[in-house]
Protein backbone atom coordinates (compact mmCIF):
# COMPACT_ATOMS: atom_id res chain seq x y z
CA UNK A 1 0.00 0.00 0.00
CA UNK A 2 1.43 3.36 -1.02
CA UNK A 3 1.55 6.03 1.68
CA UNK A 4 0.44 9.62 1.08
CA UNK A 5 2.43 12.59 2.41
CA UNK A 6 0.41 15.01 4.56
CA UNK A 7 1.70 18.58 4.82
CA UNK A 8 -0.98 20.87 6.25
CA UNK A 9 -3.22 20.65 9.31
CA UNK A 10 -6.25 20.48 7.02
CA UNK A 11 -4.67 17.56 5.16
CA UNK A 12 -4.52 15.67 8.46
CA UNK A 13 -8.07 16.56 9.46
CA UNK A 14 -9.45 15.55 6.06
CA UNK A 15 -7.45 12.31 5.76
CA UNK A 16 -9.64 9.36 4.72
CA UNK A 17 -8.88 5.82 5.92
CA UNK A 18 -5.50 4.83 4.53
CA UNK A 19 -1.75 5.01 5.05
CA UNK A 20 0.04 8.34 5.50
CA UNK A 21 3.50 9.80 6.16
CA UNK A 22 3.90 12.97 8.26
CA UNK A 23 7.08 14.98 8.93
CA UNK A 24 7.56 16.43 12.41
CA UNK A 25 8.23 19.94 11.14
CA UNK A 26 5.02 20.18 9.11
CA UNK A 27 1.66 21.68 10.07
CA UNK A 28 0.10 18.22 9.77
CA UNK A 29 2.26 16.59 12.45
CA UNK A 30 0.58 17.42 15.76
CA UNK A 31 -2.99 17.28 14.36
CA UNK A 32 -2.19 13.77 13.16
CA UNK A 33 -0.65 12.84 16.54
CA UNK A 34 -3.90 14.07 18.12
CA UNK A 35 -5.85 11.75 15.81
CA UNK A 36 -3.57 8.86 16.80
CA UNK A 37 -3.90 9.66 20.51
CA UNK A 38 -7.68 9.84 20.15
CA UNK A 39 -7.75 6.29 18.76
CA UNK A 40 -8.79 7.11 15.19
CA UNK A 41 -5.45 6.21 13.60
CA UNK A 42 -2.78 3.62 14.30
CA UNK A 43 0.90 4.47 14.75
CA UNK A 44 2.78 2.27 12.29
CA UNK A 45 6.38 3.42 12.50
CA UNK A 46 8.93 6.21 12.64
CA UNK A 47 12.30 7.05 11.20
CA UNK A 48 14.67 10.01 11.60
CA UNK A 49 15.73 11.61 8.33
CA UNK A 50 16.36 15.04 6.83
CA UNK A 51 12.89 16.12 7.94
CA UNK A 52 13.51 15.21 11.60
CA UNK A 53 11.02 12.64 12.83
CA UNK A 54 8.92 11.06 10.08
CA UNK A 55 6.01 8.88 11.16
CA UNK A 56 3.84 6.42 9.26
CA UNK A 57 0.23 6.13 10.44
CA UNK A 58 -2.86 4.25 9.32
CA UNK A 59 -6.04 6.31 9.57
CA UNK A 60 -8.93 4.02 10.46
CA UNK A 61 -12.02 6.27 10.40
CA UNK A 62 -13.67 8.83 8.15
CA UNK A 63 -13.12 12.48 9.26
CA UNK A 64 -16.78 12.94 10.21
CA UNK A 65 -16.61 9.84 12.45
CA UNK A 66 -13.80 11.23 14.60
CA UNK A 67 -15.89 12.21 17.60
CA UNK A 68 -15.10 11.66 21.27
CA UNK A 69 -15.69 8.20 22.74
CA UNK A 70 -16.62 6.60 19.41
CA UNK A 71 -15.27 3.08 19.01
CA UNK A 72 -13.28 2.86 15.78
CA UNK A 73 -12.57 -0.33 13.91
CA UNK A 74 -8.88 -1.22 13.99
CA UNK A 75 -7.47 -3.20 11.12
CA UNK A 76 -4.14 -4.77 10.29
CA UNK A 77 -2.67 -4.15 6.85
CA UNK A 78 0.31 -5.41 4.92
CA UNK A 79 2.82 -2.72 4.00
CA UNK A 80 5.15 -3.18 1.08
CA UNK A 81 8.93 -3.19 1.28
CA UNK A 82 9.14 0.49 0.37
CA UNK A 83 8.10 1.38 3.91
CA UNK A 84 10.11 0.77 7.02
CA UNK A 85 8.23 -0.13 10.18
CA UNK A 86 10.36 0.90 13.14
CA UNK A 87 10.98 -1.51 16.00
CA UNK A 88 11.08 1.07 18.77
CA UNK A 89 7.46 0.52 19.75
CA UNK A 90 8.01 -3.25 19.76
CA UNK A 91 10.64 -3.16 22.49
CA UNK A 92 10.08 -2.62 26.18
CA UNK A 93 12.68 -0.05 27.31
CA UNK A 94 14.31 0.29 23.88
CA UNK A 95 17.21 2.55 25.06
CA UNK A 96 18.57 -0.37 27.09
CA UNK A 97 17.72 -2.93 24.42
CA UNK A 98 19.74 -1.00 21.83
CA UNK A 99 22.84 -1.82 23.85
CA UNK A 100 21.68 -5.41 24.21
CA UNK A 101 21.49 -5.82 20.45
CA UNK A 102 24.86 -4.15 19.89
CA UNK A 103 26.69 -6.05 22.64
CA UNK A 104 25.08 -9.32 21.60
CA UNK A 105 26.46 -8.93 18.08
CA UNK A 106 29.91 -8.19 19.47
CA UNK A 107 29.86 -11.16 21.87
CA UNK A 108 28.49 -13.57 19.27
CA UNK A 109 31.28 -12.47 16.91
CA UNK A 110 33.86 -13.56 19.50
CA UNK A 111 34.90 -10.11 20.66
CA UNK A 112 37.11 -10.03 23.75
CA UNK A 113 37.36 -6.24 23.94
CA UNK A 114 34.15 -4.27 23.46
CA UNK A 115 34.05 -0.46 23.56
CA UNK A 116 30.70 1.26 23.97
CA UNK A 117 30.34 4.97 23.38
CA UNK A 118 27.70 7.69 23.57
CA UNK A 119 29.03 11.16 22.74
CA UNK A 120 26.86 14.25 22.55
CA UNK A 121 27.66 16.28 19.43
CA UNK A 122 27.59 20.03 18.93
CA UNK A 123 24.14 19.97 17.31
CA UNK A 124 22.63 18.09 20.28
CA UNK A 125 22.49 14.71 18.54
CA UNK A 126 24.10 11.65 20.11
CA UNK A 127 26.76 9.54 18.38
CA UNK A 128 26.23 6.04 19.79
CA UNK A 129 28.69 3.27 19.00
CA UNK A 130 29.79 -0.30 19.72
CA UNK A 131 33.24 -1.50 18.65
CA UNK A 132 34.62 -5.03 19.04
CA UNK A 133 37.65 -7.09 18.05
CA UNK A 134 35.72 -10.18 16.95
CA UNK A 135 35.80 -12.02 13.65
CA UNK A 136 33.92 -9.32 11.75
CA UNK A 137 31.89 -9.77 8.56
CA UNK A 138 32.82 -9.75 4.91
CA UNK A 139 30.89 -7.67 2.40
CA UNK A 140 28.64 -10.53 1.29
CA UNK A 141 27.62 -11.34 4.87
CA UNK A 142 26.86 -7.69 5.62
CA UNK A 143 24.74 -7.22 2.50
CA UNK A 144 22.94 -10.57 2.36
CA UNK A 145 22.51 -11.28 6.07
CA UNK A 146 23.14 -8.36 8.40
CA UNK A 147 21.23 -5.83 6.30
CA UNK A 148 18.33 -8.12 5.35
CA UNK A 149 15.28 -7.95 7.59
CA UNK A 150 14.55 -11.38 9.05
CA UNK A 151 17.92 -12.82 8.06
CA UNK A 152 20.64 -13.70 10.57
CA UNK A 153 24.35 -14.43 10.57
CA UNK A 154 24.06 -16.66 13.65
CA UNK A 155 24.02 -20.41 13.19
CA UNK A 156 25.16 -23.48 15.07
CA UNK A 157 23.64 -26.13 17.32
CA UNK A 158 24.20 -24.24 20.58
CA UNK A 159 22.63 -21.05 19.25
CA UNK A 160 23.91 -17.56 19.78
CA UNK A 161 22.11 -15.18 22.12
CA UNK A 162 19.98 -13.95 19.24
CA UNK A 163 19.32 -15.45 15.86
CA UNK A 164 15.98 -13.81 15.02
CA UNK A 165 17.30 -11.37 12.41
CA UNK A 166 15.51 -8.39 13.99
CA UNK A 167 18.45 -6.49 15.47
CA UNK A 168 18.91 -4.11 12.56
CA UNK A 169 15.33 -2.87 12.97
CA UNK A 170 16.36 -1.34 16.29
CA UNK A 171 20.08 -0.86 15.79
CA UNK A 172 20.16 0.95 12.45
CA UNK A 173 17.04 1.81 10.59
CA UNK A 174 15.17 4.35 12.76
CA UNK A 175 18.07 6.76 13.15
CA UNK A 176 19.31 9.92 11.46
CA UNK A 177 22.27 8.01 10.04
CA UNK A 178 24.23 4.82 10.64
CA UNK A 179 27.57 3.31 9.72
CA UNK A 180 29.02 -0.21 9.86
CA UNK A 181 32.75 -0.80 9.35
CA UNK A 182 33.76 -4.47 9.39
CA UNK A 183 37.05 -5.80 8.02
CA UNK A 184 37.57 -3.70 4.87
CA UNK A 185 33.91 -2.91 4.14
CA UNK A 186 32.25 0.37 5.14
CA UNK A 187 28.50 0.74 4.79
CA UNK A 188 26.90 4.13 5.48
CA UNK A 189 23.17 4.65 5.50
CA UNK A 190 20.08 6.60 6.53
CA UNK A 191 16.97 4.53 6.99
CA UNK A 192 16.90 1.76 4.40
CA UNK A 193 19.19 3.58 1.92
CA UNK A 194 22.94 2.96 2.08
CA UNK A 195 26.19 3.04 0.17
CA UNK A 196 29.07 0.56 0.25
CA UNK A 197 32.76 1.51 -0.09
CA UNK A 198 36.11 -0.06 0.63
CA UNK A 199 37.78 1.17 3.81
CA UNK A 200 40.93 0.51 5.80
CA UNK A 201 41.15 -3.05 7.10
CA UNK A 202 40.23 -3.44 10.74
CA UNK A 203 39.79 -6.27 13.22
CA UNK A 204 36.20 -6.84 14.19
CA UNK A 205 33.30 -4.43 13.66
CA UNK A 206 32.44 -0.86 14.55
CA UNK A 207 28.78 0.12 14.53
CA UNK A 208 27.71 3.72 15.02
CA UNK A 209 24.44 5.62 14.70
CA UNK A 210 23.37 9.23 15.14
CA UNK A 211 20.27 9.68 17.32
CA UNK A 212 18.16 12.86 17.69
CA UNK A 213 18.34 14.97 20.87
CA UNK A 214 14.91 13.92 22.16
CA UNK A 215 15.07 10.20 21.31
CA UNK A 216 18.36 8.63 22.32
CA UNK A 217 20.20 6.24 24.56
CA UNK A 218 23.36 7.11 26.46
CA UNK A 219 26.27 5.95 28.65
CA UNK A 220 24.34 5.48 31.95
CA UNK A 221 21.93 3.16 30.17
CA UNK A 222 24.87 1.22 28.70
CA UNK A 223 26.31 0.81 32.19
CA UNK A 224 22.94 -0.32 33.49
CA UNK A 225 22.74 -2.98 30.80
CA UNK A 226 26.24 -4.33 31.43
CA UNK A 227 25.63 -4.53 35.18
CA UNK A 228 22.77 -6.98 34.54
CA UNK A 229 25.07 -9.29 32.55
CA UNK A 230 27.68 -11.90 33.44
CA UNK A 231 30.19 -12.03 30.60
CA UNK A 232 33.52 -13.23 32.02
CA UNK A 233 36.56 -12.94 29.80
CA UNK A 234 35.27 -9.87 27.93
CA UNK A 235 36.70 -6.45 28.73
CA UNK A 236 34.19 -3.61 28.38
CA UNK A 237 34.60 0.14 28.35
CA UNK A 238 31.93 2.85 28.26
CA UNK A 239 33.17 6.16 26.88
CA UNK A 240 36.71 4.91 27.54
CA UNK A 241 36.18 3.97 31.22
CA UNK A 242 36.32 0.29 32.27
CA UNK A 243 32.90 -1.23 32.99
CA UNK A 244 31.99 -4.56 34.58
CA UNK A 245 29.57 -7.23 33.41
CA UNK A 246 29.92 -9.65 36.31
CA UNK A 247 26.54 -10.12 38.02
CA UNK A 248 26.64 -13.77 39.10
CA UNK A 249 23.60 -15.94 39.65
CA UNK A 250 24.02 -17.20 43.23
CA UNK A 251 22.15 -20.20 44.65
CA UNK A 252 19.86 -22.21 42.35
CA UNK A 253 16.22 -22.07 43.56
CA UNK A 254 14.36 -23.57 40.59
CA UNK A 255 14.95 -25.24 37.25
CA UNK A 256 13.16 -26.16 34.03
CA UNK A 257 15.19 -29.11 32.72
CA UNK A 258 17.10 -28.38 29.52
CA UNK A 259 15.55 -24.90 29.31
CA UNK A 260 16.37 -22.58 32.23
CA UNK A 261 17.88 -22.44 35.73
CA UNK A 262 16.79 -19.80 38.26
CA UNK A 263 19.26 -18.42 40.83
CA UNK A 264 18.97 -16.15 43.87
CA UNK A 265 21.67 -13.86 45.27
CA UNK A 266 20.80 -12.04 48.53
CA UNK A 267 21.82 -8.45 49.10
CA UNK A 268 22.00 -6.20 52.15
CA UNK A 269 19.92 -3.07 52.40
CA UNK A 270 18.49 -3.26 48.87
CA UNK A 271 15.26 -4.78 47.59
CA UNK A 272 14.47 -5.85 44.07
CA UNK A 273 11.23 -6.41 42.18
CA UNK A 274 12.41 -8.18 39.04
CA UNK A 275 13.87 -11.42 37.79
CA UNK A 276 16.59 -10.89 35.19
CA UNK A 277 16.34 -13.23 32.21
CA UNK A 278 19.67 -13.93 30.51
CA UNK A 279 20.93 -15.97 27.58
CA UNK A 280 24.55 -17.10 27.88
CA UNK A 281 25.05 -14.41 30.53
CA UNK A 282 23.64 -11.65 28.31
CA UNK A 283 20.69 -9.74 29.79
CA UNK A 284 17.52 -10.15 27.72
CA UNK A 285 14.67 -8.62 29.76
CA UNK A 286 13.27 -8.42 33.29
CA UNK A 287 10.09 -9.96 34.65
CA UNK A 288 8.19 -8.56 37.66
CA UNK A 289 8.49 -11.02 40.57
CA UNK A 290 7.57 -9.13 43.74
CA UNK A 291 9.77 -7.38 46.29
CA UNK A 292 12.72 -9.53 47.38
CA UNK A 293 16.00 -8.79 49.25
CA UNK A 294 18.39 -9.54 46.41
CA UNK A 295 18.70 -10.66 42.78
CA UNK A 296 16.84 -13.37 40.90
CA UNK A 297 18.39 -14.47 37.63
CA UNK A 298 16.98 -16.95 35.09
CA UNK A 299 19.76 -18.34 32.91
CA UNK A 300 18.47 -19.90 29.71
CA UNK A 301 20.11 -23.25 28.97
CA UNK A 302 18.39 -23.74 25.60
CA UNK A 303 18.86 -21.37 22.62
CA UNK A 304 16.91 -18.16 23.12
CA UNK A 305 15.28 -18.54 19.71
CA UNK A 306 13.44 -21.56 21.13
CA UNK A 307 12.26 -19.89 24.35
CA UNK A 308 11.79 -16.17 23.72
CA UNK A 309 9.63 -13.95 21.56
CA UNK A 310 11.20 -12.47 18.43
CA UNK A 311 12.17 -9.23 20.19
CA UNK A 312 13.45 -11.24 23.21
CA UNK A 313 11.30 -9.19 25.57
CA UNK A 314 9.23 -12.10 26.83
CA UNK A 315 8.80 -15.87 27.02
CA UNK A 316 7.03 -17.80 24.33
CA UNK A 317 7.86 -21.15 25.96
CA UNK A 318 5.03 -22.11 28.32
CA UNK A 319 7.13 -24.23 30.69
CA UNK A 320 9.67 -21.50 31.45
CA UNK A 321 6.98 -18.83 31.78
CA UNK A 322 4.98 -21.09 34.11
CA UNK A 323 8.04 -21.74 36.29
CA UNK A 324 8.66 -17.99 36.67
CA UNK A 325 4.98 -17.33 37.46
CA UNK A 326 4.90 -20.05 40.11
CA UNK A 327 8.10 -18.76 41.67
CA UNK A 328 6.52 -15.28 41.88
CA UNK A 329 3.46 -16.82 43.58
CA UNK A 330 5.65 -18.58 46.15
CA UNK A 331 7.53 -15.38 46.90
CA UNK A 332 4.24 -13.48 47.31
CA UNK A 333 2.90 -16.15 49.69
CA UNK A 334 6.11 -16.17 51.71
CA UNK A 335 6.00 -12.40 52.07
CA UNK A 336 2.36 -12.49 53.14
CA UNK A 337 3.15 -15.23 55.65
CA UNK A 338 6.03 -13.24 57.07
CA UNK A 339 3.87 -10.15 57.45
CA UNK A 340 0.58 -11.61 58.62
CA UNK A 341 1.29 -11.17 62.36
CA UNK A 342 2.51 -7.60 62.03
CA UNK A 343 0.09 -4.85 62.97
CA UNK A 344 -0.76 -1.69 61.07
CA UNK A 345 0.95 -2.49 57.74
CA UNK A 346 -0.83 -0.94 54.74
CA UNK A 347 -0.60 -1.21 50.96
CA UNK A 348 -3.75 0.55 49.78
CA UNK A 349 -4.37 2.11 46.36
CA UNK A 350 -6.87 4.87 45.70
CA UNK A 351 -7.76 4.98 42.01
CA UNK A 352 -9.18 8.05 40.33
CA UNK A 353 -10.63 8.51 36.87
CA UNK A 354 -7.65 10.24 35.29
CA UNK A 355 -6.33 7.26 33.38
CA UNK A 356 -9.65 6.96 31.56
CA UNK A 357 -9.66 10.62 30.49
CA UNK A 358 -5.97 11.11 29.75
CA UNK A 359 -6.03 10.00 26.09
CA UNK A 360 -8.94 12.30 25.33
CA UNK A 361 -7.14 15.23 26.96
CA UNK A 362 -3.83 14.45 25.23
CA UNK A 363 -5.61 14.29 21.88
CA UNK A 364 -7.20 17.69 22.46
CA UNK A 365 -3.92 19.27 23.60
CA UNK A 366 -1.82 17.86 20.77
CA UNK A 367 -4.36 19.14 18.28
CA UNK A 368 -3.56 22.71 19.37
CA UNK A 369 0.12 22.61 18.38
CA UNK A 370 1.26 23.93 15.04
CA UNK A 371 4.59 23.35 13.23
CA UNK A 372 7.25 22.62 15.83
CA UNK A 373 10.92 21.71 15.72
CA UNK A 374 12.62 22.39 19.06
CA UNK A 375 12.81 25.09 21.73
CA UNK A 376 10.13 26.77 23.80
CA UNK A 377 6.48 26.24 22.97
CA UNK A 378 5.00 29.39 21.37
CA UNK A 379 3.00 31.47 23.81
CA UNK A 380 -0.12 31.20 21.67
CA UNK A 381 0.08 27.40 21.60
CA UNK A 382 0.49 27.33 25.39
CA UNK A 383 -2.52 29.60 25.85
CA UNK A 384 -4.69 27.45 23.58
CA UNK A 385 -3.64 24.23 25.35
CA UNK A 386 -4.32 25.72 28.78
CA UNK A 387 -7.70 27.01 27.62
CA UNK A 388 -8.64 23.59 26.24
CA UNK A 389 -7.72 21.99 29.56
CA UNK A 390 -9.02 24.67 31.91
CA UNK A 391 -12.42 23.14 32.49
CA UNK A 392 -10.87 19.91 33.76
CA UNK A 393 -9.14 21.59 36.69
CA UNK A 394 -11.86 24.02 37.74
CA UNK A 395 -13.24 23.40 41.21
CA UNK A 396 -10.82 20.53 41.88
CA UNK A 397 -8.61 22.26 44.46
CA UNK A 398 -9.94 19.93 47.16
CA UNK A 399 -9.34 16.76 45.14
CA UNK A 400 -6.09 14.87 45.41
CA UNK A 401 -6.37 13.18 42.01
CA UNK A 402 -6.86 16.13 39.71
CA UNK A 403 -5.37 18.04 36.81
CA UNK A 404 -2.85 20.81 37.47
CA UNK A 405 -4.48 24.22 37.56
CA UNK A 406 -4.10 26.57 34.57
CA UNK A 407 -1.50 28.53 36.56
CA UNK A 408 0.58 25.45 37.30
CA UNK A 409 0.09 24.07 33.77
CA UNK A 410 1.48 27.28 32.30
CA UNK A 411 4.58 26.95 34.47
CA UNK A 412 5.01 23.28 33.56
CA UNK A 413 4.93 24.09 29.84
CA UNK A 414 7.39 26.97 30.20
CA UNK A 415 10.54 25.01 29.40
CA UNK A 416 12.77 24.18 26.45
CA UNK A 417 11.79 21.08 24.52
CA UNK A 418 14.42 19.20 22.55
CA UNK A 419 12.09 18.15 19.76
CA UNK A 420 8.62 16.76 18.95
CA UNK A 421 9.14 13.56 20.96
CA UNK A 422 10.00 15.57 24.08
CA UNK A 423 7.00 17.84 23.58
CA UNK A 424 4.61 14.91 23.04
CA UNK A 425 5.88 13.21 26.21
CA UNK A 426 5.44 16.45 28.17
CA UNK A 427 1.85 16.88 26.96
CA UNK A 428 1.00 13.31 27.98
CA UNK A 429 2.44 13.93 31.44
CA UNK A 430 0.60 17.25 31.71
CA UNK A 431 -2.84 15.67 31.26
CA UNK A 432 -2.17 12.59 33.41
CA UNK A 433 -3.87 12.23 36.82
CA UNK A 434 -1.71 9.98 39.03
CA UNK A 435 -3.50 7.51 41.29
CA UNK A 436 -2.60 7.58 45.00
CA UNK A 437 -0.84 4.81 46.94
CA UNK A 438 -0.59 4.58 50.73
CA UNK A 439 2.13 2.26 52.06
CA UNK A 440 3.05 1.70 55.72
CA UNK A 441 6.15 -0.40 56.40
CA UNK A 442 6.38 0.34 60.15
CA UNK A 443 5.02 -2.40 62.38
CA UNK A 444 2.69 -1.09 65.06
CA UNK A 445 2.38 2.40 63.56
CA UNK A 446 -1.18 3.55 62.98
CA UNK A 447 -1.31 5.91 60.00
CA UNK A 448 -3.42 8.97 60.98
CA UNK A 449 -6.60 9.55 58.97
CA UNK A 450 -5.27 12.91 57.77
CA UNK A 451 -3.04 11.03 55.32
CA UNK A 452 -5.92 9.18 53.63
CA UNK A 453 -7.32 10.90 50.50
CA UNK A 454 -10.89 11.25 51.74
CA UNK A 455 -9.88 12.83 55.06
CA UNK A 456 -6.75 14.84 54.23
CA UNK A 457 -6.20 18.08 56.06
CA UNK A 458 -5.29 21.16 53.99
CA UNK A 459 -1.64 20.87 55.06
CA UNK A 460 -1.34 17.25 53.96
CA UNK A 461 -3.30 17.88 50.76
CA UNK A 462 -0.96 20.76 49.87
CA UNK A 463 2.07 18.51 50.45
CA UNK A 464 0.58 15.65 48.40
CA UNK A 465 -0.40 17.87 45.47
CA UNK A 466 2.98 19.63 45.53
CA UNK A 467 4.76 16.26 45.45
CA UNK A 468 2.67 15.15 42.47
CA UNK A 469 3.39 18.33 40.50
CA UNK A 470 7.13 18.27 41.27
CA UNK A 471 7.29 14.66 40.07
CA UNK A 472 5.27 15.60 36.98
CA UNK A 473 7.59 18.53 36.25
CA UNK A 474 10.69 16.34 36.59
CA UNK A 475 9.25 13.65 34.31
CA UNK A 476 8.43 16.35 31.75
CA UNK A 477 11.97 17.73 31.91
CA UNK A 478 13.39 14.22 31.47
CA UNK A 479 11.25 13.67 28.37
CA UNK A 480 9.56 10.58 29.81
CA UNK A 481 5.97 9.73 28.91
CA UNK A 482 5.93 6.87 31.40
CA UNK A 483 2.83 7.14 33.53
CA UNK A 484 3.25 7.05 37.29
CA UNK A 485 1.26 7.09 40.48
CA UNK A 486 2.21 8.98 43.63
CA UNK A 487 1.63 8.54 47.33
CA UNK A 488 2.93 8.44 50.88
CA UNK A 489 5.24 5.77 52.25
CA UNK A 490 5.76 5.46 56.00
CA UNK A 491 9.14 3.92 56.71
CA UNK A 492 12.06 4.35 59.08
CA UNK A 493 14.51 3.88 56.19
CA UNK A 494 13.25 6.01 53.28
CA UNK A 495 12.53 9.69 52.83
CA UNK A 496 11.21 8.89 49.36
CA UNK A 497 10.96 5.72 47.34
CA UNK A 498 10.25 4.44 43.82
CA UNK A 499 8.01 1.37 43.92
CA UNK A 500 7.07 -1.08 41.18
CA UNK A 501 3.84 -2.98 41.63
CA UNK A 502 1.16 -4.66 39.51
CA UNK A 503 -2.34 -3.46 38.68
CA UNK A 504 -5.45 -5.66 38.70
CA UNK A 505 -4.64 -6.95 35.21
CA UNK A 506 -1.09 -7.92 36.16
CA UNK A 507 0.56 -5.00 34.32
CA UNK A 508 3.51 -3.18 35.86
CA UNK A 509 2.79 0.10 37.65
CA UNK A 510 5.33 2.72 38.70
CA UNK A 511 4.87 4.75 41.90
CA UNK A 512 6.88 7.74 43.14
CA UNK A 513 6.40 7.79 46.91
CA UNK A 514 7.14 10.40 49.59
CA UNK A 515 7.61 9.97 53.32
CA UNK A 516 5.75 13.09 54.53
CA UNK A 517 7.88 13.56 57.66
CA UNK A 518 11.14 15.50 57.93
CA UNK A 519 12.56 12.96 60.39
CA UNK A 520 11.43 9.50 59.26
CA UNK A 521 12.19 7.97 62.67
CA UNK A 522 10.50 10.40 65.06
CA UNK A 523 7.64 11.32 62.66
CA UNK A 524 7.02 14.56 64.54
CA UNK A 525 7.09 17.27 61.85
CA UNK A 526 5.67 17.34 58.33
CA UNK A 527 7.55 18.60 55.29
CA UNK A 528 6.31 22.09 54.37
CA UNK A 529 6.47 23.14 50.69
CA UNK A 530 6.21 26.78 51.80
CA UNK A 531 9.59 26.45 53.53
CA UNK A 532 12.46 26.90 51.12
CA UNK A 533 14.68 24.19 52.59
CA UNK A 534 11.86 21.63 52.49
CA UNK A 535 10.93 22.52 48.91
CA UNK A 536 14.54 22.06 47.80
CA UNK A 537 14.62 18.65 49.45
CA UNK A 538 11.34 17.67 47.78
CA UNK A 539 12.67 18.68 44.35
CA UNK A 540 15.90 16.73 44.86
CA UNK A 541 13.92 13.69 46.04
CA UNK A 542 11.62 13.94 43.03
CA UNK A 543 14.61 13.95 40.65
CA UNK A 544 16.14 10.97 42.43
CA UNK A 545 12.99 8.82 42.45
CA UNK A 546 11.90 9.86 38.94
CA UNK A 547 15.30 8.65 37.69
CA UNK A 548 14.42 5.17 38.95
CA UNK A 549 11.18 5.30 36.95
CA UNK A 550 12.21 7.18 33.80
CA UNK A 551 15.48 5.25 33.36
CA UNK A 552 14.09 1.91 34.61
CA UNK A 553 16.86 1.47 37.20
CA UNK A 554 16.03 -0.14 40.53
CA UNK A 555 19.43 -0.34 42.24
CA UNK A 556 21.75 2.41 43.49
CA UNK A 557 24.70 1.27 41.41
CA UNK A 558 27.19 2.96 39.10
CA UNK A 559 24.70 3.18 36.23
CA UNK A 560 22.09 4.81 38.47
CA UNK A 561 24.65 7.33 39.76
CA UNK A 562 25.51 8.26 36.17
CA UNK A 563 21.84 8.57 35.20
CA UNK A 564 21.09 10.67 38.29
CA UNK A 565 23.96 13.04 37.52
CA UNK A 566 22.68 13.46 33.97
CA UNK A 567 19.11 14.06 35.15
CA UNK A 568 20.21 16.55 37.80
CA UNK A 569 21.89 18.51 35.02
CA UNK A 570 18.65 18.46 33.01
CA UNK A 571 16.69 19.76 36.00
CA UNK A 572 19.33 22.14 37.38
CA UNK A 573 17.58 25.29 36.18
CA UNK A 574 14.20 24.28 37.56
CA UNK A 575 14.26 25.56 41.12
CA UNK A 576 12.79 28.97 40.27
CA UNK A 577 9.96 27.12 38.51
CA UNK A 578 9.21 24.77 41.41
CA UNK A 579 8.79 27.72 43.75
CA UNK A 580 6.20 29.04 41.30
CA UNK A 581 4.59 25.59 41.07
CA UNK A 582 4.34 25.28 44.87
CA UNK A 583 2.90 28.79 45.16
CA UNK A 584 0.37 28.05 42.41
CA UNK A 585 -1.11 25.00 44.14
CA UNK A 586 -4.30 26.03 45.90
CA UNK A 587 -6.23 23.99 48.45
CA UNK A 588 -9.20 24.70 50.66
CA UNK A 589 -8.39 26.97 53.55
CA UNK A 590 -6.29 29.48 51.64
CA UNK A 591 -4.04 27.54 49.31
CA UNK A 592 -0.58 28.77 48.60
CA UNK A 593 0.23 31.01 51.56
CA UNK A 594 2.55 29.84 54.35
CA UNK A 595 -0.25 30.43 56.84
CA UNK A 596 -2.43 27.93 54.98
CA UNK A 597 0.14 25.26 55.66
CA UNK A 598 -0.55 25.43 59.38
CA UNK A 599 -3.08 23.01 60.85
């Protein structure tokens, strides 16, 4: 099916059912993203080219049928080879999986020295690379295997870590440009177009791509990937600094004969919520398992092509999946047994209606944005977005789960966006209403009613709403569209905490939690957003915990430290804004004044 290029906003609004291409710098881009967000078109792919971000979408309804809440028919079509369907949407946590694909190729090629790099260039783009000293590929292998979708260079009875032939969909094709230099062959491309030339002979392979400023992976993510692996005998560097890939499995706790062995390694002072699935020591993906004091690792003993889905982000083998599920059930039962005699412990969720209205709101907001490349959102666009959202927030000052007010929304949108992806993520965060989670980890402590949503005092409500908006602002600055919930955690160990849990359908949920007390042990005095020192602490805590969520990092290791440093730099200029945000949050009893914070 041939795709049609849309250029103007009216083109997008008038588009009949069919396949279309839209460039991010055109007037048609954000109206079409609004149609996608509203459920009347399907996102089919993206690529970065001379136009910036170029997306392919399938419109599924007639223009006159695009009304709120209407159920549209969704269809699957076959797209010819002239169109590239990007793999980014097919991968869970693609920034980490990019490194997985690159390192896997290097390891499977026999590399003993692997150099990973992520260097920010003068124009804001990121040059990302993986270089190894393995056996390399000749020109025929590159052209007939490596650069053919669905083909693979990996054969043999034991199976390499991959073998699905999908890596190039993530590694190369979505990006502004890419280059592969192996032996004496140099291939340079953009999307599916490339040229081949002879180059200087080299040992092994160097792969490099150029990623846009608002859609990239970087060195902290590379470190985080390596720290989930166990690849003895291979020396790694990240941006020239030595990096380790030596997470061992520990004691075996379960096994699926001839398919997978599951190991547990205890740790002190840290809890984990995931089981790491690995093939030949190479991290594939993580599976939610429940909170445990250490690491769980599932090492595949059969070829991954037999056990995993094509993108290696999940199990397709029933027996291995069932073993992991049963292990999670045993862990949950053990935890419940250990806690059943303790008094006062709480894990209670309070769900609002925001998640059901967010897509509608995002669609409306995106529809108000004209041509956009990078930088600050035009004042007129901000005013129109705020006006379109204003009715949602009116009269909701006394509600915990509510939209930010027009005043706060204006402040949240007053920042520099790196490109259309960053802006889209920010809009989706802006219209999201986080659910509330109440967790008490202190045995014998009775949580006062003032901390429960239905009976919150003005002081507590102001603190809760301020925490939500600081977390929202940080997630917007980080360019993350990952939805989150917020809440209070009562603990003698944590001032704030990122928690992963499951919803009623078994899907992962992310929570950014705050201990509302200044001293977590005495629990005598509440944090006060009107006090400068407390507000600074809240902002720092929000950056720290949002890093866990946005970068998908659970442990305080070297990769987390690097990610936190990067994110602190992104948020460094935000303190003036958070004072405005805190002042703009109104609650019953007077709202933003210091006096209103007194009970």
